[in-house]
N, C-alpha and C. Protein backbone atom coordinates (compact mmCIF):
# COMPACT_ATOMS: atom_id res chain seq x y z
N MET A 1 119.36 96.74 174.98
CA MET A 1 120.03 95.94 173.60
C MET A 1 120.46 97.25 172.73
N ILE A 2 121.56 97.21 171.97
CA ILE A 2 121.98 98.10 171.20
C ILE A 2 121.56 97.97 169.73
N ASN A 3 121.06 99.09 169.35
CA ASN A 3 120.57 99.18 167.77
C ASN A 3 121.77 99.40 166.89
N SER A 4 121.96 98.47 166.09
CA SER A 4 123.21 98.47 165.18
C SER A 4 122.95 99.04 163.69
N THR A 5 121.64 99.48 163.61
CA THR A 5 121.21 99.79 162.13
C THR A 5 121.65 101.38 162.40
N VAL A 6 122.07 101.76 161.18
CA VAL A 6 122.27 103.31 160.89
C VAL A 6 121.11 103.93 160.41
N SER A 7 120.70 105.34 160.85
CA SER A 7 119.63 105.68 160.41
C SER A 7 119.86 106.44 159.09
N SER A 8 118.99 106.30 158.14
CA SER A 8 119.03 106.94 156.73
C SER A 8 118.85 108.24 156.75
N THR A 9 118.13 108.95 157.92
CA THR A 9 117.87 110.05 158.07
C THR A 9 118.93 111.15 158.53
N ALA A 10 120.11 110.48 158.81
CA ALA A 10 121.39 111.32 159.26
C ALA A 10 121.73 112.24 158.27
N THR A 11 121.84 113.44 158.68
CA THR A 11 122.38 114.58 157.76
C THR A 11 123.73 114.40 157.62
N PRO A 12 124.00 114.74 156.10
CA PRO A 12 125.43 114.41 155.90
C PRO A 12 126.20 115.60 156.23
N THR A 13 127.53 115.31 156.40
CA THR A 13 128.47 116.45 156.91
C THR A 13 128.63 117.37 155.75
N PRO A 14 128.86 118.48 156.00
CA PRO A 14 129.11 119.62 154.98
C PRO A 14 130.57 119.48 154.54
N PRO A 15 131.05 119.95 153.33
CA PRO A 15 132.08 120.07 152.80
C PRO A 15 133.06 120.88 153.86
N LEU A 16 134.30 120.72 153.87
CA LEU A 16 135.08 121.34 154.69
C LEU A 16 135.04 122.88 154.34
N THR A 17 135.08 123.25 153.09
CA THR A 17 135.17 124.55 152.69
C THR A 17 133.99 125.45 153.18
N LYS A 18 132.89 124.60 153.14
CA LYS A 18 131.55 125.39 153.62
C LYS A 18 131.75 125.34 155.20
N SER A 19 132.13 124.51 155.82
CA SER A 19 132.25 124.46 157.26
C SER A 19 133.18 125.70 157.91
N LEU A 20 134.12 125.82 156.99
CA LEU A 20 135.19 126.82 157.48
C LEU A 20 134.77 128.43 156.83
N GLY A 21 133.76 128.24 155.89
CA GLY A 21 133.45 129.69 155.52
C GLY A 21 134.32 130.11 154.51
N VAL A 22 135.03 129.35 153.89
CA VAL A 22 135.89 130.00 152.85
C VAL A 22 135.06 130.28 151.65
N LYS A 23 134.17 129.74 151.28
CA LYS A 23 133.49 130.17 149.91
C LYS A 23 132.60 131.31 150.08
N ASN A 24 132.16 131.44 151.36
CA ASN A 24 131.24 132.71 151.62
C ASN A 24 131.70 134.01 152.02
N ASP A 25 133.00 134.21 152.11
CA ASP A 25 133.84 135.28 152.45
C ASP A 25 133.78 136.34 151.22
N PRO A 26 133.16 137.52 151.69
CA PRO A 26 132.90 138.49 150.41
C PRO A 26 134.13 139.12 150.15
N ARG A 27 135.15 139.10 151.05
CA ARG A 27 136.26 139.92 150.51
C ARG A 27 137.10 139.01 149.59
N PRO A 28 137.71 139.97 148.47
CA PRO A 28 138.51 139.24 147.61
C PRO A 28 139.80 138.60 148.13
N GLY A 29 140.14 137.56 147.67
CA GLY A 29 141.41 136.90 148.07
C GLY A 29 142.45 136.98 147.09
N PHE A 30 143.63 136.30 147.45
CA PHE A 30 144.73 136.29 146.44
C PHE A 30 144.57 135.69 145.15
N VAL A 31 143.64 134.74 144.98
CA VAL A 31 143.26 134.17 143.80
C VAL A 31 142.56 135.23 142.83
N ASP A 32 141.70 136.05 143.49
CA ASP A 32 140.93 136.92 142.93
C ASP A 32 141.63 138.01 142.16
N HIS A 33 142.63 138.46 143.20
CA HIS A 33 143.65 139.48 142.75
C HIS A 33 144.50 138.95 141.48
N LEU A 34 145.00 137.80 141.56
CA LEU A 34 145.82 137.23 140.70
C LEU A 34 145.14 137.14 139.32
N LYS A 35 143.66 136.77 139.17
CA LYS A 35 142.84 136.74 138.07
C LYS A 35 142.75 138.02 137.48
N ALA A 36 142.48 139.07 138.24
CA ALA A 36 142.22 140.37 137.67
C ALA A 36 143.43 140.82 137.08
N THR A 37 144.67 140.63 137.72
CA THR A 37 146.03 140.98 137.17
C THR A 37 146.19 140.28 136.01
N LEU A 38 145.68 138.98 135.76
CA LEU A 38 146.05 138.36 134.47
C LEU A 38 145.08 138.93 133.50
N GLU A 39 143.82 139.25 133.71
CA GLU A 39 142.99 139.89 132.65
C GLU A 39 143.48 141.24 132.67
N ASN A 40 143.92 142.05 133.47
CA ASN A 40 144.34 143.24 133.18
C ASN A 40 145.55 143.39 132.16
N THR A 41 146.51 142.55 132.42
CA THR A 41 147.72 142.14 131.59
C THR A 41 147.35 141.86 130.43
N ASN A 42 146.42 140.87 130.24
CA ASN A 42 145.93 140.49 128.88
C ASN A 42 145.37 141.68 128.10
N ASP A 43 144.57 142.51 128.76
CA ASP A 43 143.85 143.61 128.10
C ASP A 43 144.94 144.53 127.52
N MET A 44 145.97 144.82 128.29
CA MET A 44 147.18 145.76 127.84
C MET A 44 147.91 145.05 126.78
N GLN A 45 148.16 143.96 126.90
CA GLN A 45 148.77 143.16 125.55
C GLN A 45 148.08 143.44 124.33
N PHE A 46 146.83 143.19 124.47
CA PHE A 46 145.83 143.14 123.27
C PHE A 46 145.87 144.65 122.69
N LYS A 47 145.80 145.92 123.65
CA LYS A 47 145.59 147.32 123.53
C LYS A 47 147.02 147.57 122.61
N ALA A 48 148.17 147.11 123.08
CA ALA A 48 149.40 147.32 122.54
C ALA A 48 149.63 146.76 121.11
N LYS A 49 149.06 145.54 120.97
CA LYS A 49 149.19 144.73 119.60
C LYS A 49 148.25 145.55 118.68
N THR A 50 147.01 146.03 119.08
CA THR A 50 146.14 146.89 118.27
C THR A 50 146.70 148.02 117.98
N ALA A 51 147.41 148.84 118.92
CA ALA A 51 148.10 150.06 118.53
C ALA A 51 149.06 150.13 117.55
N MET A 52 149.82 148.88 117.66
CA MET A 52 151.06 148.52 116.68
C MET A 52 150.52 148.45 115.36
N GLU A 53 149.47 147.55 115.24
CA GLU A 53 148.65 147.15 113.91
C GLU A 53 148.26 148.66 113.41
N ASP A 54 147.74 149.33 114.25
CA ASP A 54 146.93 150.59 113.62
C ASP A 54 148.05 151.52 113.09
N LEU A 55 149.13 151.56 113.98
CA LEU A 55 150.19 152.50 113.57
C LEU A 55 151.04 151.87 112.19
N SER A 56 150.90 150.55 112.11
CA SER A 56 151.80 150.08 110.82
C SER A 56 150.77 150.10 109.35
N THR A 57 149.47 150.18 109.72
CA THR A 57 148.59 150.12 108.62
C THR A 57 148.19 151.62 108.39
N GLY A 58 148.78 152.59 109.09
CA GLY A 58 148.51 153.79 108.72
C GLY A 58 147.05 154.35 109.45
N ARG A 59 146.16 153.66 110.23
CA ARG A 59 144.80 154.12 110.71
C ARG A 59 145.08 154.96 111.74
N ASN A 60 146.42 154.84 112.60
CA ASN A 60 146.74 155.66 113.60
C ASN A 60 147.89 156.40 113.43
N GLY A 61 148.37 157.57 113.22
CA GLY A 61 149.63 158.09 113.12
C GLY A 61 150.26 158.63 114.36
N ASN A 62 149.63 158.48 115.32
CA ASN A 62 150.24 158.88 116.80
C ASN A 62 151.19 157.96 117.36
N ILE A 63 152.32 158.05 117.21
CA ILE A 63 153.46 157.14 117.67
C ILE A 63 153.75 157.23 119.25
N HIS A 64 153.19 158.29 119.86
CA HIS A 64 153.32 158.45 121.03
C HIS A 64 152.37 157.45 121.86
N GLU A 65 150.92 157.35 121.59
CA GLU A 65 150.19 156.69 122.22
C GLU A 65 150.55 155.15 121.81
N THR A 66 151.03 154.69 120.98
CA THR A 66 151.31 153.48 120.59
C THR A 66 152.63 152.97 121.44
N LEU A 67 153.64 153.94 121.69
CA LEU A 67 154.72 153.49 122.60
C LEU A 67 154.38 153.62 123.97
N LEU A 68 153.29 154.28 124.42
CA LEU A 68 152.80 154.41 125.70
C LEU A 68 152.08 152.98 126.05
N ALA A 69 151.21 152.57 125.07
CA ALA A 69 150.46 151.44 125.18
C ALA A 69 151.61 150.13 125.35
N MET A 70 152.60 150.23 124.68
CA MET A 70 153.41 149.17 124.61
C MET A 70 154.25 149.04 125.99
N SER A 71 154.69 150.57 126.38
CA SER A 71 155.44 150.32 127.71
C SER A 71 154.41 149.83 128.84
N LYS A 72 153.24 150.13 129.03
CA LYS A 72 152.15 149.87 129.95
C LYS A 72 152.14 148.40 129.96
N ALA A 73 152.15 147.75 128.69
CA ALA A 73 151.87 146.35 128.45
C ALA A 73 153.11 145.66 129.09
N GLU A 74 154.35 146.07 128.53
CA GLU A 74 155.65 145.43 129.04
C GLU A 74 155.83 145.74 130.50
N THR A 75 155.45 146.82 131.31
CA THR A 75 155.66 146.92 132.74
C THR A 75 154.76 145.88 133.53
N SER A 76 153.35 145.86 132.80
CA SER A 76 152.47 144.98 133.49
C SER A 76 152.99 143.60 133.52
N PHE A 77 153.46 143.16 132.33
CA PHE A 77 153.92 141.77 132.10
C PHE A 77 155.17 141.54 133.01
N LYS A 78 155.92 142.62 133.19
CA LYS A 78 157.13 142.18 134.13
C LYS A 78 156.72 142.17 135.52
N MET A 79 155.83 142.84 135.93
CA MET A 79 155.40 142.67 137.31
C MET A 79 154.55 141.58 137.45
N LEU A 80 153.83 140.93 136.56
CA LEU A 80 153.16 139.62 136.59
C LEU A 80 154.37 138.50 136.68
N MET A 81 155.48 138.83 135.84
CA MET A 81 156.20 137.68 135.81
C MET A 81 157.04 137.58 137.38
N GLN A 82 157.34 138.87 137.88
CA GLN A 82 157.86 138.86 139.23
C GLN A 82 156.91 138.05 140.47
N VAL A 83 155.81 138.39 140.20
CA VAL A 83 154.81 137.75 141.22
C VAL A 83 154.88 136.30 141.13
N ARG A 84 154.76 135.94 139.80
CA ARG A 84 154.78 134.51 139.56
C ARG A 84 156.22 133.83 140.18
N ASN A 85 157.32 134.61 139.98
CA ASN A 85 158.53 133.94 140.58
C ASN A 85 158.45 134.05 141.97
N LYS A 86 157.90 134.90 142.75
CA LYS A 86 157.78 135.06 144.11
C LYS A 86 156.80 133.99 144.59
N VAL A 87 155.89 133.54 144.03
CA VAL A 87 154.92 132.69 144.43
C VAL A 87 155.58 130.94 144.16
N LEU A 88 156.33 130.99 143.05
CA LEU A 88 157.13 129.73 142.49
C LEU A 88 158.18 129.56 143.97
N ASN A 89 158.98 130.64 144.37
CA ASN A 89 159.94 130.50 145.07
C ASN A 89 159.49 130.02 146.55
N ALA A 90 158.20 130.84 147.03
CA ALA A 90 157.61 130.47 148.25
C ALA A 90 156.97 129.00 148.25
N TYR A 91 156.61 128.61 147.13
CA TYR A 91 156.26 127.26 146.99
C TYR A 91 157.33 126.17 147.12
N GLN A 92 158.48 126.55 146.44
CA GLN A 92 159.69 125.50 146.70
C GLN A 92 160.32 125.63 148.14
N GLU A 93 160.12 126.72 148.83
CA GLU A 93 160.57 126.82 150.09
C GLU A 93 159.72 126.27 151.00
N ILE A 94 158.27 125.96 150.85
CA ILE A 94 157.74 125.23 151.54
C ILE A 94 157.82 123.75 151.53
N MET A 95 157.98 123.34 150.11
CA MET A 95 158.34 121.96 149.82
C MET A 95 159.73 121.70 150.49
N ARG A 96 160.78 122.42 150.70
CA ARG A 96 161.77 122.13 151.30
C ARG A 96 161.77 121.98 152.68
N MET A 97 160.66 122.38 153.45
CA MET A 97 160.78 122.47 155.09
C MET A 97 160.48 120.88 155.31
N GLN A 98 161.21 120.69 156.41
CA GLN A 98 160.99 119.34 156.85
C GLN A 98 159.96 119.32 157.93
N MET A 99 159.23 118.08 158.03
CA MET A 99 158.13 117.71 158.86
C MET A 99 158.60 117.37 160.18
């Protein structure tokens, strides 16, 4: 005779990410690098804004440091925009692929 009852002590299947070891990988991934770059760019933008405010109010008379902070922030932002454009282009290319 076949037992048709399901045992309530059956262990649940683990989520796919845990079984593949995705969350347990100690190495930083693309998302981690992207987050760090976003935070770094945000910090540079804030420093440039603060340097401009300090220069305009007379708290800091060093125009070279202000221009350097602005240049760093601009370069970081341009690089971030290029990474964003590349990611979007790759996504659009994948979406155009035929199955």
